[in-house]
Amino acid sequence: MNDVPSPAELDALRLSLEVAVRSVGFSLPLAVLVAWILTRARFPGRMLFDAFVHLPLVLPPVAVGYVLLVLFGARGPIGAWLRSHFGIELAFTTAGAALATAVMTFPLMVRAIRLSLENVDRGLEEAARTLGAAPLDRFVSITLPLMLPGILAGAVTALAAGLGEFGAVITFASNIPGATRTLPLALYTAMQSPSGDALALRLALLSFALGLLGLLASELLVRRVRRLLGR
């Protein structure tokens, strides 16, 4: 077995990291907002909104990719508008792979951030309010730092999960070498080749190692931040 990574392997690794990082960067601010709404806001339809946010966890990833294709494809209502007004095309592109990954990993971030927010001492926020702190000041100076372990855990977990996303990506962004063929898609392609056993094994081991490192990094970051916050 050749121990030197092939250009195809390095390209798949680069694309996987790029797609995962872009997906987290795109959805993390929205995940913080949604987690805050689900934890602190009370409004009609909140339970339905909660279910909708977590829907990608229970839907087949291929179904999510198909819905994205219908909405963001070249002839979809959102995709056609983006193309005509901004020249943006998402289907069958690296950006589209990042979008599909973001949708699939979004509930993981929301759940982690929401759990962290639920453990924030509301008395600290109330004390700051009585001292004249505005809502935004209270959020930035008190709530956000106390939420930080959950934000980091959610972001790193979503990053690790994004490295392994397959169904939604192949449905919405296809399996294009150099553009959308991430590690899972490269592994799938290698498995379809009669001579691809060695490559498939290396890609599987690489995916396993990246996933394990991501989960360990998430746990270590959370522990580090909790120590810094004295929790």
C-alpha atoms as a PDB file:
ATOM      1  CA  MET A   1       0.000   0.000   0.000  1.00  0.00           C
ATOM      2  CA  ASN A   2       1.361   3.409  -0.956  1.00  0.00           C
ATOM      3  CA  ASP A   3       1.727   5.603   2.125  1.00  0.00           C
ATOM      4  CA  VAL A   4       2.018   8.823   0.130  1.00  0.00           C
ATOM      5  CA  PRO A   5      -1.386  10.548  -0.264  1.00  0.00           C
ATOM      6  CA  SER A   6      -2.458  10.866  -3.862  1.00  0.00           C
ATOM      7  CA  PRO A   7      -3.521  14.224  -5.370  1.00  0.00           C
ATOM      8  CA  ALA A   8      -7.117  12.970  -5.332  1.00  0.00           C
ATOM      9  CA  GLU A   9      -6.918  12.258  -1.598  1.00  0.00           C
ATOM     10  CA  LEU A  10      -5.365  15.636  -0.819  1.00  0.00           C
ATOM     11  CA  ASP A  11      -7.964  17.379  -2.965  1.00  0.00           C
ATOM     12  CA  ALA A  12     -10.803  15.565  -1.199  1.00  0.00           C
ATOM     13  CA  LEU A  13      -9.311  16.454   2.199  1.00  0.00           C
ATOM     14  CA  ARG A  14      -8.920  20.104   1.208  1.00  0.00           C
ATOM     15  CA  LEU A  15     -12.494  20.282  -0.058  1.00  0.00           C
ATOM     16  CA  SER A  16     -13.866  18.567   3.045  1.00  0.00           C
ATOM     17  CA  LEU A  17     -12.125  21.042   5.338  1.00  0.00           C
ATOM     18  CA  GLU A  18     -13.183  24.003   3.187  1.00  0.00           C
ATOM     19  CA  VAL A  19     -16.808  22.898   3.033  1.00  0.00           C
ATOM     20  CA  ALA A  20     -16.990  22.138   6.760  1.00  0.00           C
ATOM     21  CA  VAL A  21     -15.382  25.446   7.788  1.00  0.00           C
ATOM     22  CA  ARG A  22     -17.572  27.466   5.437  1.00  0.00           C
ATOM     23  CA  SER A  23     -20.709  25.720   6.657  1.00  0.00           C
ATOM     24  CA  VAL A  24     -19.920  26.450  10.312  1.00  0.00           C
ATOM     25  CA  GLY A  25     -18.929  30.042   9.599  1.00  0.00           C
ATOM     26  CA  PHE A  26     -22.163  30.600   7.705  1.00  0.00           C
ATOM     27  CA  SER A  27     -24.550  29.053  10.216  1.00  0.00           C
ATOM     28  CA  LEU A  28     -22.981  29.714  13.639  1.00  0.00           C
ATOM     29  CA  PRO A  29     -24.355  33.266  14.134  1.00  0.00           C
ATOM     30  CA  LEU A  30     -27.803  32.064  13.071  1.00  0.00           C
ATOM     31  CA  ALA A  31     -27.528  29.079  15.425  1.00  0.00           C
ATOM     32  CA  VAL A  32     -26.811  31.411  18.357  1.00  0.00           C
ATOM     33  CA  LEU A  33     -29.851  33.515  17.466  1.00  0.00           C
ATOM     34  CA  VAL A  34     -32.152  30.519  17.052  1.00  0.00           C
ATOM     35  CA  ALA A  35     -30.938  28.946  20.307  1.00  0.00           C
ATOM     36  CA  TRP A  36     -31.651  32.207  22.125  1.00  0.00           C
ATOM     37  CA  ILE A  37     -35.136  32.429  20.599  1.00  0.00           C
ATOM     38  CA  LEU A  38     -35.978  28.837  21.526  1.00  0.00           C
ATOM     39  CA  THR A  39     -34.707  29.319  25.089  1.00  0.00           C
ATOM     40  CA  ARG A  40     -35.866  32.810  25.985  1.00  0.00           C
ATOM     41  CA  ALA A  41     -38.722  33.783  23.672  1.00  0.00           C
ATOM     42  CA  ARG A  42     -42.342  32.743  24.095  1.00  0.00           C
ATOM     43  CA  PHE A  43     -44.586  32.977  21.038  1.00  0.00           C
ATOM     44  CA  PRO A  44     -47.356  31.020  19.279  1.00  0.00           C
ATOM     45  CA  GLY A  45     -45.951  28.209  17.169  1.00  0.00           C
ATOM     46  CA  ARG A  46     -42.745  27.931  19.186  1.00  0.00           C
ATOM     47  CA  MET A  47     -43.044  24.136  19.384  1.00  0.00           C
ATOM     48  CA  LEU A  48     -43.525  23.908  15.624  1.00  0.00           C
ATOM     49  CA  PHE A  49     -40.532  26.184  15.037  1.00  0.00           C
ATOM     50  CA  ASP A  50     -38.445  24.004  17.356  1.00  0.00           C
ATOM     51  CA  ALA A  51     -39.458  20.889  15.411  1.00  0.00           C
ATOM     52  CA  PHE A  52     -38.653  22.571  12.090  1.00  0.00           C
ATOM     53  CA  VAL A  53     -35.176  23.575  13.280  1.00  0.00           C
ATOM     54  CA  HIS A  54     -34.382  19.987  14.291  1.00  0.00           C
ATOM     55  CA  LEU A  55     -36.026  18.381  11.246  1.00  0.00           C
ATOM     56  CA  PRO A  56     -32.714  17.614   9.451  1.00  0.00           C
ATOM     57  CA  LEU A  57     -31.822  15.264  12.323  1.00  0.00           C
ATOM     58  CA  VAL A  58     -34.669  12.899  11.436  1.00  0.00           C
ATOM     59  CA  LEU A  59     -35.072  13.398   7.678  1.00  0.00           C
ATOM     60  CA  PRO A  60     -33.078  11.310   5.187  1.00  0.00           C
ATOM     61  CA  PRO A  61     -30.129  13.484   4.071  1.00  0.00           C
ATOM     62  CA  VAL A  62     -31.058  12.786   0.446  1.00  0.00           C
ATOM     63  CA  ALA A  63     -34.486  14.325   1.099  1.00  0.00           C
ATOM     64  CA  VAL A  64     -32.843  17.447   2.523  1.00  0.00           C
ATOM     65  CA  GLY A  65     -30.589  17.664  -0.530  1.00  0.00           C
ATOM     66  CA  TYR A  66     -33.586  17.306  -2.836  1.00  0.00           C
ATOM     67  CA  VAL A  67     -35.480  20.110  -1.075  1.00  0.00           C
ATOM     68  CA  LEU A  68     -32.389  22.322  -1.395  1.00  0.00           C
ATOM     69  CA  LEU A  69     -32.200  21.471  -5.085  1.00  0.00           C
ATOM     70  CA  VAL A  70     -35.842  22.422  -5.575  1.00  0.00           C
ATOM     71  CA  LEU A  71     -35.396  25.715  -3.712  1.00  0.00           C
ATOM     72  CA  PHE A  72     -31.856  26.728  -4.671  1.00  0.00           C
ATOM     73  CA  GLY A  73     -31.469  25.060  -8.061  1.00  0.00           C
ATOM     74  CA  ALA A  74     -31.144  27.153 -11.195  1.00  0.00           C
ATOM     75  CA  ARG A  75     -34.915  27.045 -11.707  1.00  0.00           C
ATOM     76  CA  GLY A  76     -35.859  27.119  -8.032  1.00  0.00           C
ATOM     77  CA  PRO A  77     -37.550  30.199  -6.555  1.00  0.00           C
ATOM     78  CA  ILE A  78     -34.549  31.183  -4.435  1.00  0.00           C
ATOM     79  CA  GLY A  79     -31.856  29.901  -6.786  1.00  0.00           C
ATOM     80  CA  ALA A  80     -33.291  31.700  -9.817  1.00  0.00           C
ATOM     81  CA  TRP A  81     -33.553  34.955  -7.840  1.00  0.00           C
ATOM     82  CA  LEU A  82     -29.959  34.700  -6.589  1.00  0.00           C
ATOM     83  CA  ARG A  83     -28.719  33.979 -10.100  1.00  0.00           C
ATOM     84  CA  SER A  84     -30.615  36.803 -11.780  1.00  0.00           C
ATOM     85  CA  HIS A  85     -29.882  39.475  -9.150  1.00  0.00           C
ATOM     86  CA  PHE A  86     -26.424  38.554  -7.859  1.00  0.00           C
ATOM     87  CA  GLY A  87     -25.034  35.991 -10.289  1.00  0.00           C
ATOM     88  CA  ILE A  88     -24.822  33.431  -7.469  1.00  0.00           C
ATOM     89  CA  GLU A  89     -25.184  29.746  -8.298  1.00  0.00           C
ATOM     90  CA  LEU A  90     -25.274  27.221  -5.480  1.00  0.00           C
ATOM     91  CA  ALA A  91     -26.330  23.898  -6.987  1.00  0.00           C
ATOM     92  CA  PHE A  92     -23.374  21.719  -8.058  1.00  0.00           C
ATOM     93  CA  THR A  93     -20.805  24.094  -6.550  1.00  0.00           C
ATOM     94  CA  THR A  94     -18.507  24.145  -3.519  1.00  0.00           C
ATOM     95  CA  ALA A  95     -20.716  26.817  -1.963  1.00  0.00           C
ATOM     96  CA  GLY A  96     -23.696  24.532  -2.483  1.00  0.00           C
ATOM     97  CA  ALA A  97     -21.879  21.697  -0.729  1.00  0.00           C
ATOM     98  CA  ALA A  98     -21.236  24.070   2.183  1.00  0.00           C
ATOM     99  CA  LEU A  99     -24.915  25.068   2.264  1.00  0.00           C
ATOM    100  CA  ALA A 100     -26.073  21.443   2.310  1.00  0.00           C
ATOM    101  CA  THR A 101     -23.597  20.654   5.078  1.00  0.00           C
ATOM    102  CA  ALA A 102     -24.697  23.709   7.057  1.00  0.00           C
ATOM    103  CA  VAL A 103     -28.342  22.653   6.908  1.00  0.00           C
ATOM    104  CA  MET A 104     -27.534  19.124   8.087  1.00  0.00           C
ATOM    105  CA  THR A 105     -25.285  20.214  10.975  1.00  0.00           C
ATOM    106  CA  PHE A 106     -27.306  23.260  12.057  1.00  0.00           C
ATOM    107  CA  PRO A 107     -29.438  21.367  14.634  1.00  0.00           C
ATOM    108  CA  LEU A 108     -26.290  20.043  16.327  1.00  0.00           C
ATOM    109  CA  MET A 109     -25.082  23.586  16.965  1.00  0.00           C
ATOM    110  CA  VAL A 110     -28.481  24.791  18.116  1.00  0.00           C
ATOM    111  CA  ARG A 111     -28.828  21.935  20.617  1.00  0.00           C
ATOM    112  CA  ALA A 112     -25.378  22.484  22.129  1.00  0.00           C
ATOM    113  CA  ILE A 113     -25.814  26.262  22.375  1.00  0.00           C
ATOM    114  CA  ARG A 114     -29.323  25.916  23.761  1.00  0.00           C
ATOM    115  CA  LEU A 115     -28.186  23.569  26.535  1.00  0.00           C
ATOM    116  CA  SER A 116     -25.435  26.012  27.467  1.00  0.00           C
ATOM    117  CA  LEU A 117     -27.841  28.955  27.461  1.00  0.00           C
ATOM    118  CA  GLU A 118     -30.313  27.121  29.682  1.00  0.00           C
ATOM    119  CA  ASN A 119     -27.566  26.820  32.322  1.00  0.00           C
ATOM    120  CA  VAL A 120     -26.815  30.555  32.365  1.00  0.00           C
ATOM    121  CA  ASP A 121     -27.690  32.097  35.714  1.00  0.00           C
ATOM    122  CA  ARG A 122     -30.550  34.483  35.003  1.00  0.00           C
ATOM    123  CA  GLY A 123     -29.794  36.246  38.297  1.00  0.00           C
ATOM    124  CA  LEU A 124     -26.574  37.662  36.833  1.00  0.00           C
ATOM    125  CA  GLU A 125     -28.484  39.108  33.910  1.00  0.00           C
ATOM    126  CA  GLU A 126     -31.124  40.536  36.237  1.00  0.00           C
ATOM    127  CA  ALA A 127     -28.449  42.126  38.419  1.00  0.00           C
ATOM    128  CA  ALA A 128     -26.904  43.764  35.357  1.00  0.00           C
ATOM    129  CA  ARG A 129     -30.343  45.013  34.314  1.00  0.00           C
ATOM    130  CA  THR A 130     -30.923  46.657  37.690  1.00  0.00           C
ATOM    131  CA  LEU A 131     -27.551  48.382  37.322  1.00  0.00           C
ATOM    132  CA  GLY A 132     -28.727  49.972  34.106  1.00  0.00           C
ATOM    133  CA  ALA A 133     -27.192  47.641  31.497  1.00  0.00           C
ATOM    134  CA  ALA A 134     -29.073  47.597  28.197  1.00  0.00           C
ATOM    135  CA  PRO A 135     -30.239  44.250  26.750  1.00  0.00           C
ATOM    136  CA  LEU A 136     -27.430  44.153  24.174  1.00  0.00           C
ATOM    137  CA  ASP A 137     -24.843  45.034  26.836  1.00  0.00           C
ATOM    138  CA  ARG A 138     -26.146  42.251  29.083  1.00  0.00           C
ATOM    139  CA  PHE A 139     -25.977  39.753  26.252  1.00  0.00           C
ATOM    140  CA  VAL A 140     -22.441  40.686  25.151  1.00  0.00           C
ATOM    141  CA  SER A 141     -20.905  41.066  28.610  1.00  0.00           C
ATOM    142  CA  ILE A 142     -22.692  38.309  30.560  1.00  0.00           C
ATOM    143  CA  THR A 143     -24.785  35.883  28.530  1.00  0.00           C
ATOM    144  CA  LEU A 144     -22.438  35.366  25.590  1.00  0.00           C
ATOM    145  CA  PRO A 145     -19.317  34.539  27.665  1.00  0.00           C
ATOM    146  CA  LEU A 146     -21.318  32.077  29.766  1.00  0.00           C
ATOM    147  CA  MET A 147     -22.658  30.474  26.567  1.00  0.00           C
ATOM    148  CA  LEU A 148     -19.173  30.125  25.118  1.00  0.00           C
ATOM    149  CA  PRO A 149     -18.637  26.442  26.076  1.00  0.00           C
ATOM    150  CA  GLY A 150     -21.805  25.476  24.253  1.00  0.00           C
ATOM    151  CA  ILE A 151     -20.950  27.631  21.243  1.00  0.00           C
ATOM    152  CA  LEU A 152     -17.505  26.076  20.929  1.00  0.00           C
ATOM    153  CA  ALA A 153     -18.831  22.559  21.464  1.00  0.00           C
ATOM    154  CA  GLY A 154     -21.549  23.074  18.878  1.00  0.00           C
ATOM    155  CA  ALA A 155     -19.180  24.598  16.336  1.00  0.00           C
ATOM    156  CA  VAL A 156     -16.520  21.897  16.633  1.00  0.00           C
ATOM    157  CA  THR A 157     -19.085  19.080  16.660  1.00  0.00           C
ATOM    158  CA  ALA A 158     -20.739  20.538  13.566  1.00  0.00           C
ATOM    159  CA  LEU A 159     -17.324  20.857  11.935  1.00  0.00           C
ATOM    160  CA  ALA A 160     -16.555  17.196  12.620  1.00  0.00           C
ATOM    161  CA  ALA A 161     -20.002  16.103  11.430  1.00  0.00           C
ATOM    162  CA  GLY A 162     -19.655  18.268   8.325  1.00  0.00           C
ATOM    163  CA  LEU A 163     -16.532  16.374   7.307  1.00  0.00           C
ATOM    164  CA  GLY A 164     -18.660  13.248   6.987  1.00  0.00           C
ATOM    165  CA  GLU A 165     -21.792  14.629   5.343  1.00  0.00           C
ATOM    166  CA  PHE A 166     -22.713  12.627   2.244  1.00  0.00           C
ATOM    167  CA  GLY A 167     -26.381  12.344   1.276  1.00  0.00           C
ATOM    168  CA  ALA A 168     -27.374  16.001   1.148  1.00  0.00           C
ATOM    169  CA  VAL A 169     -24.114  17.011  -0.550  1.00  0.00           C
ATOM    170  CA  ILE A 170     -24.236  14.435  -3.346  1.00  0.00           C
ATOM    171  CA  THR A 171     -27.901  15.225  -4.026  1.00  0.00           C
ATOM    172  CA  PHE A 172     -27.581  19.020  -4.091  1.00  0.00           C
ATOM    173  CA  ALA A 173     -23.962  19.533  -5.171  1.00  0.00           C
ATOM    174  CA  SER A 174     -23.259  16.248  -7.009  1.00  0.00           C
ATOM    175  CA  ASN A 175     -19.880  14.455  -7.039  1.00  0.00           C
ATOM    176  CA  ILE A 176     -17.630  16.768  -9.050  1.00  0.00           C
ATOM    177  CA  PRO A 177     -13.847  16.279  -8.701  1.00  0.00           C
ATOM    178  CA  GLY A 178     -12.138  19.407  -7.420  1.00  0.00           C
ATOM    179  CA  ALA A 179     -15.444  21.156  -6.664  1.00  0.00           C
ATOM    180  CA  THR A 180     -17.742  18.999  -4.532  1.00  0.00           C
ATOM    181  CA  ARG A 181     -16.004  15.615  -4.126  1.00  0.00           C
ATOM    182  CA  THR A 182     -15.342  15.688  -0.393  1.00  0.00           C
ATOM    183  CA  LEU A 183     -13.901  12.768   1.599  1.00  0.00           C
ATOM    184  CA  PRO A 184     -17.178  10.806   1.877  1.00  0.00           C
ATOM    185  CA  LEU A 185     -17.852  11.233  -1.835  1.00  0.00           C
ATOM    186  CA  ALA A 186     -14.270  10.291  -2.710  1.00  0.00           C
ATOM    187  CA  LEU A 187     -14.665   7.178  -0.538  1.00  0.00           C
ATOM    188  CA  TYR A 188     -17.912   6.323  -2.302  1.00  0.00           C
ATOM    189  CA  THR A 189     -16.239   6.797  -5.696  1.00  0.00           C
ATOM    190  CA  ALA A 190     -13.297   4.605  -4.706  1.00  0.00           C
ATOM    191  CA  MET A 191     -15.646   1.849  -3.559  1.00  0.00           C
ATOM    192  CA  GLN A 192     -17.255   1.805  -7.010  1.00  0.00           C
ATOM    193  CA  SER A 193     -13.909   1.200  -8.680  1.00  0.00           C
ATOM    194  CA  PRO A 194     -12.669  -2.410  -9.072  1.00  0.00           C
ATOM    195  CA  SER A 195      -9.149  -1.280  -8.127  1.00  0.00           C
ATOM    196  CA  GLY A 196     -10.151   1.241  -5.487  1.00  0.00           C
ATOM    197  CA  ASP A 197      -9.940  -0.910  -2.361  1.00  0.00           C
ATOM    198  CA  ALA A 198      -6.643   0.529  -1.130  1.00  0.00           C
ATOM    199  CA  LEU A 199      -7.776   4.109  -1.739  1.00  0.00           C
ATOM    200  CA  ALA A 200     -11.123   3.449  -0.058  1.00  0.00           C
ATOM    201  CA  LEU A 201      -9.362   2.042   3.003  1.00  0.00           C
ATOM    202  CA  ARG A 202      -7.069   5.068   3.304  1.00  0.00           C
ATOM    203  CA  LEU A 203      -9.991   7.473   2.921  1.00  0.00           C
ATOM    204  CA  ALA A 204     -12.042   5.571   5.503  1.00  0.00           C
ATOM    205  CA  LEU A 205      -9.166   5.662   7.999  1.00  0.00           C
ATOM    206  CA  LEU A 206      -8.639   9.372   7.323  1.00  0.00           C
ATOM    207  CA  SER A 207     -12.336  10.095   7.866  1.00  0.00           C
ATOM    208  CA  PHE A 208     -12.289   8.111  11.105  1.00  0.00           C
ATOM    209  CA  ALA A 209      -9.217   9.993  12.351  1.00  0.00           C
ATOM    210  CA  LEU A 210     -10.675  13.399  11.490  1.00  0.00           C
ATOM    211  CA  GLY A 211     -13.971  12.614  13.202  1.00  0.00           C
ATOM    212  CA  LEU A 212     -12.229  11.380  16.337  1.00  0.00           C
ATOM    213  CA  LEU A 213      -9.940  14.416  16.454  1.00  0.00           C
ATOM    214  CA  GLY A 214     -12.930  16.723  16.055  1.00  0.00           C
ATOM    215  CA  LEU A 215     -14.816  15.173  18.965  1.00  0.00           C
ATOM    216  CA  LEU A 216     -11.735  15.213  21.189  1.00  0.00           C
ATOM    217  CA  ALA A 217     -11.047  18.838  20.286  1.00  0.00           C
ATOM    218  CA  SER A 218     -14.630  19.750  21.145  1.00  0.00           C
ATOM    219  CA  GLU A 219     -14.364  18.180  24.600  1.00  0.00           C
ATOM    220  CA  LEU A 220     -10.962  19.734  25.320  1.00  0.00           C
ATOM    221  CA  LEU A 221     -12.106  23.197  24.251  1.00  0.00           C
ATOM    222  CA  VAL A 222     -15.201  23.020  26.433  1.00  0.00           C
ATOM    223  CA  ARG A 223     -13.171  21.937  29.459  1.00  0.00           C
ATOM    224  CA  ARG A 224     -10.622  24.678  28.847  1.00  0.00           C
ATOM    225  CA  VAL A 225     -13.244  27.407  28.577  1.00  0.00           C
ATOM    226  CA  ARG A 226     -15.079  26.147  31.658  1.00  0.00           C
ATOM    227  CA  ARG A 227     -11.859  26.327  33.655  1.00  0.00           C
ATOM    228  CA  LEU A 228     -11.255  29.872  32.460  1.00  0.00           C
ATOM    229  CA  LEU A 229     -14.796  30.808  33.482  1.00  0.00           C
ATOM    230  CA  GLY A 230     -14.379  29.098  36.835  1.00  0.00           C
ATOM    231  CA  ARG A 231     -17.196  26.602  36.209  1.00  0.00           C
END
